[in-house]
Amino acid sequence: MKILKVLESLVLYPIFFLLLNMLGNTIPNWLLFTPKIFLYDQHQIRLGSFDIVLFLYGLVLFTRGMIALAQITKENHQAREKGATNPTRLLTEGKYESVRHPMYATFILLYVSLFIPTRSIYGLLICLVQCMLLYFNARYEDKKVLKPLFQKTYEQYCQQTKKLFFTISDKLFLVTGFAILAIGFFCN
């Protein structure tokens, strides 16, 4: 399954990257910074040398996210009975052992992998809005779905698993991405 997700990422990510890059080059004031020298500048695709660094960062993060998403989806399906909308058992192992909402964290990492490499102001705003929506959805799910379903068991799980979204490695990937973006902003 991991090999398939890596291959899928190697095909999908470059397509997303180029499409977002083309879109970004057609919208005025879209970019946080514009490279001074372009390695490629044709057909609405403009790529500078720093774009390679951003692309590689995004590719690694996107691939990591796709693998995690497949694992989390598998875990989620094991916690539900066929046709049920709510889980029938509380997930506390696998990805759920260290964070309560690993799927939301993975979605955030996927958004970041797509929008940081575009150097886009609007992309960052979309990421922020998506993060806020996922945060509020996670809080709602905690209070209105999981706590009523699993009561004391869920409260104990919350005490053991303090983190809502991100593991340490997730945080490192996010900080690295914003650091790379800041370096590009100040060096271009």
Protein backbone atom coordinates (compact mmCIF):
# COMPACT_ATOMS: atom_id res chain seq x y z
CA MET A 1 0.00 0.00 0.00
CA LYS A 2 2.84 2.43 0.83
CA ILE A 3 4.50 1.87 -2.54
CA LEU A 4 1.21 2.57 -4.30
CA LYS A 5 0.73 5.81 -2.33
CA VAL A 6 4.29 6.92 -3.12
CA LEU A 7 3.73 6.27 -6.83
CA GLU A 8 0.38 8.04 -6.67
CA SER A 9 2.04 11.04 -5.03
CA LEU A 10 4.83 11.12 -7.60
CA VAL A 11 2.20 11.41 -10.33
CA LEU A 12 -0.38 13.66 -8.66
CA TYR A 13 1.83 16.17 -6.87
CA PRO A 14 3.69 17.48 -9.94
CA ILE A 15 0.35 17.95 -11.71
CA PHE A 16 -1.10 19.89 -8.76
CA PHE A 17 2.11 21.89 -8.41
CA LEU A 18 2.16 22.94 -12.07
CA LEU A 19 -1.56 23.75 -12.17
CA LEU A 20 -1.32 25.91 -9.04
CA ASN A 21 1.83 27.55 -10.42
CA MET A 22 0.03 28.36 -13.68
CA LEU A 23 -2.93 29.76 -11.75
CA GLY A 24 -0.63 31.82 -9.55
CA ASN A 25 1.10 33.39 -12.51
CA THR A 26 -2.19 34.59 -14.00
CA ILE A 27 -3.60 36.28 -10.86
CA PRO A 28 -2.14 39.70 -9.96
CA ASN A 29 -0.64 40.01 -6.47
CA TRP A 30 -0.88 36.25 -5.92
CA LEU A 31 2.75 35.64 -5.01
CA LEU A 32 4.56 36.46 -1.78
CA PHE A 33 7.78 36.84 -3.76
CA THR A 34 8.87 36.45 -7.36
CA PRO A 35 12.24 34.91 -8.19
CA LYS A 36 14.70 37.20 -9.98
CA ILE A 37 15.92 34.44 -12.29
CA PHE A 38 13.66 31.82 -13.82
CA LEU A 39 14.88 28.39 -14.82
CA TYR A 40 11.71 27.83 -16.82
CA ASP A 41 9.37 30.53 -18.10
CA GLN A 42 6.90 29.35 -20.73
CA HIS A 43 3.17 28.70 -21.09
CA GLN A 44 2.18 30.47 -17.84
CA ILE A 45 4.62 28.29 -15.87
CA ARG A 46 7.40 30.28 -14.23
CA LEU A 47 9.82 28.34 -12.06
CA GLY A 48 12.79 29.84 -10.27
CA SER A 49 15.65 27.97 -8.64
CA PHE A 50 14.03 28.31 -5.20
CA ASP A 51 10.87 26.71 -6.61
CA ILE A 52 12.80 23.43 -6.83
CA VAL A 53 13.37 23.51 -3.06
CA LEU A 54 9.71 24.33 -2.48
CA PHE A 55 8.63 21.60 -4.89
CA LEU A 56 10.77 18.95 -3.17
CA TYR A 57 9.50 20.01 0.25
CA GLY A 58 5.91 19.83 -0.98
CA LEU A 59 6.47 16.46 -2.65
CA VAL A 60 7.90 14.91 0.52
CA LEU A 61 5.11 16.33 2.67
CA PHE A 62 2.40 15.34 0.16
CA THR A 63 3.75 11.77 -0.06
CA ARG A 64 3.92 11.52 3.72
CA GLY A 65 0.36 12.83 3.93
CA MET A 66 -0.98 10.38 1.35
CA ILE A 67 0.58 7.42 3.18
CA ALA A 68 -0.80 8.65 6.52
CA LEU A 69 -4.24 9.25 5.00
CA ALA A 70 -4.38 5.67 3.72
CA GLN A 71 -3.41 4.30 7.16
CA ILE A 72 -5.89 6.50 9.01
CA THR A 73 -8.71 5.67 6.61
CA LYS A 74 -8.06 1.97 7.16
CA GLU A 75 -8.12 2.47 10.94
CA ASN A 76 -11.35 4.49 10.70
CA HIS A 77 -13.12 1.81 8.68
CA GLN A 78 -12.20 -0.79 11.29
CA ALA A 79 -13.95 1.27 13.98
CA ARG A 80 -17.29 1.45 12.14
CA GLU A 81 -19.88 -1.11 11.33
CA LYS A 82 -21.12 -1.22 7.75
CA GLY A 83 -23.64 1.56 7.15
CA ALA A 84 -22.98 3.27 10.50
CA THR A 85 -22.23 6.99 10.48
CA ASN A 86 -20.71 7.07 13.97
CA PRO A 87 -17.87 4.89 15.20
CA THR A 88 -18.84 1.81 17.20
CA ARG A 89 -15.56 1.74 19.11
CA LEU A 90 -13.11 4.40 20.20
CA LEU A 91 -9.84 4.39 18.29
CA THR A 92 -6.89 4.65 20.66
CA GLU A 93 -4.18 2.79 18.79
CA GLY A 94 -2.17 3.38 15.64
CA LYS A 95 -2.19 7.03 14.58
CA TYR A 96 -4.81 7.74 17.28
CA GLU A 97 -2.38 6.77 20.01
CA SER A 98 -0.53 10.08 19.86
CA VAL A 99 -3.19 12.54 18.60
CA ARG A 100 -6.98 12.62 18.77
CA HIS A 101 -7.62 13.83 15.21
CA PRO A 102 -4.82 12.55 12.97
CA MET A 103 -6.95 12.74 9.81
CA TYR A 104 -7.53 16.47 10.28
CA ALA A 105 -3.80 16.93 10.88
CA THR A 106 -3.10 15.04 7.67
CA PHE A 107 -5.52 17.25 5.73
CA ILE A 108 -3.71 20.33 7.07
CA LEU A 109 -0.34 18.88 6.04
CA LEU A 110 -1.73 18.14 2.56
CA TYR A 111 -3.02 21.73 2.24
CA VAL A 112 0.37 23.05 3.32
CA SER A 113 2.15 20.74 0.84
CA LEU A 114 0.09 22.22 -1.97
CA PHE A 115 0.03 25.90 -1.05
CA ILE A 116 3.42 26.71 0.49
CA PRO A 117 5.28 25.70 -2.70
CA THR A 118 3.11 28.09 -4.74
CA ARG A 119 4.41 31.09 -2.76
CA SER A 120 0.81 32.28 -2.76
CA ILE A 121 -0.77 34.82 -0.44
CA TYR A 122 -4.19 33.43 -1.25
CA GLY A 123 -2.95 29.87 -0.77
CA LEU A 124 -1.78 30.73 2.73
CA LEU A 125 -5.16 32.32 3.46
CA ILE A 126 -6.92 29.19 2.19
CA CYS A 127 -4.69 27.10 4.46
CA LEU A 128 -5.50 29.28 7.46
CA VAL A 129 -9.24 29.12 6.80
CA GLN A 130 -9.08 25.34 6.33
CA CYS A 131 -7.09 24.98 9.57
CA MET A 132 -9.68 27.02 11.47
CA LEU A 133 -12.55 24.99 10.00
CA LEU A 134 -10.85 21.71 10.88
CA TYR A 135 -10.09 22.97 14.39
CA PHE A 136 -13.73 23.94 15.01
CA ASN A 137 -14.93 20.68 13.47
CA ALA A 138 -12.59 18.70 15.74
CA ARG A 139 -13.85 20.55 18.81
CA TYR A 140 -17.46 19.96 17.75
CA GLU A 141 -16.75 16.28 17.13
CA ASP A 142 -15.11 16.00 20.56
CA LYS A 143 -18.02 17.57 22.43
CA LYS A 144 -21.07 16.54 20.41
CA VAL A 145 -20.15 13.14 18.95
CA LEU A 146 -17.32 11.33 20.70
CA LYS A 147 -17.87 12.42 24.30
CA PRO A 148 -21.60 11.48 24.30
CA LEU A 149 -20.85 8.18 22.53
CA PHE A 150 -17.96 6.99 24.70
CA GLN A 151 -18.38 9.11 27.88
CA LYS A 152 -15.78 8.21 30.56
CA THR A 153 -13.68 6.22 28.12
CA TYR A 154 -13.32 9.29 25.92
CA GLU A 155 -12.47 11.54 28.86
CA GLN A 156 -9.70 9.12 29.88
CA TYR A 157 -8.46 9.00 26.31
CA CYS A 158 -8.35 12.84 26.23
CA GLN A 159 -6.29 12.83 29.42
CA GLN A 160 -3.82 10.34 27.92
CA THR A 161 -3.74 11.96 24.47
CA LYS A 162 -3.40 15.68 25.05
CA LYS A 163 -2.58 16.61 21.46
CA LEU A 164 -5.51 17.50 19.25
CA PHE A 165 -3.75 17.40 15.87
CA PHE A 166 0.00 17.29 15.44
CA THR A 167 2.78 14.94 16.45
CA ILE A 168 6.28 16.33 16.94
CA SER A 169 7.27 15.24 13.43
CA ASP A 170 4.18 16.98 11.98
CA LYS A 171 5.17 20.18 13.76
CA LEU A 172 8.73 19.89 12.45
CA PHE A 173 7.44 19.52 8.89
CA LEU A 174 5.22 22.60 9.30
CA VAL A 175 7.96 24.73 10.85
CA THR A 176 10.39 23.61 8.14
CA GLY A 177 7.93 24.61 5.42
CA PHE A 178 7.36 28.07 6.84
CA ALA A 179 11.11 28.49 7.41
CA ILE A 180 11.80 27.57 3.76
CA LEU A 181 9.12 30.03 2.66
CA ALA A 182 10.61 32.77 4.86
CA ILE A 183 14.10 32.12 3.46
CA GLY A 184 12.70 32.41 -0.06
CA PHE A 185 10.88 35.62 0.84
CA PHE A 186 13.98 37.31 2.27
CA CYS A 187 16.51 35.93 -0.22
CA ASN A 188 14.64 36.68 -3.45
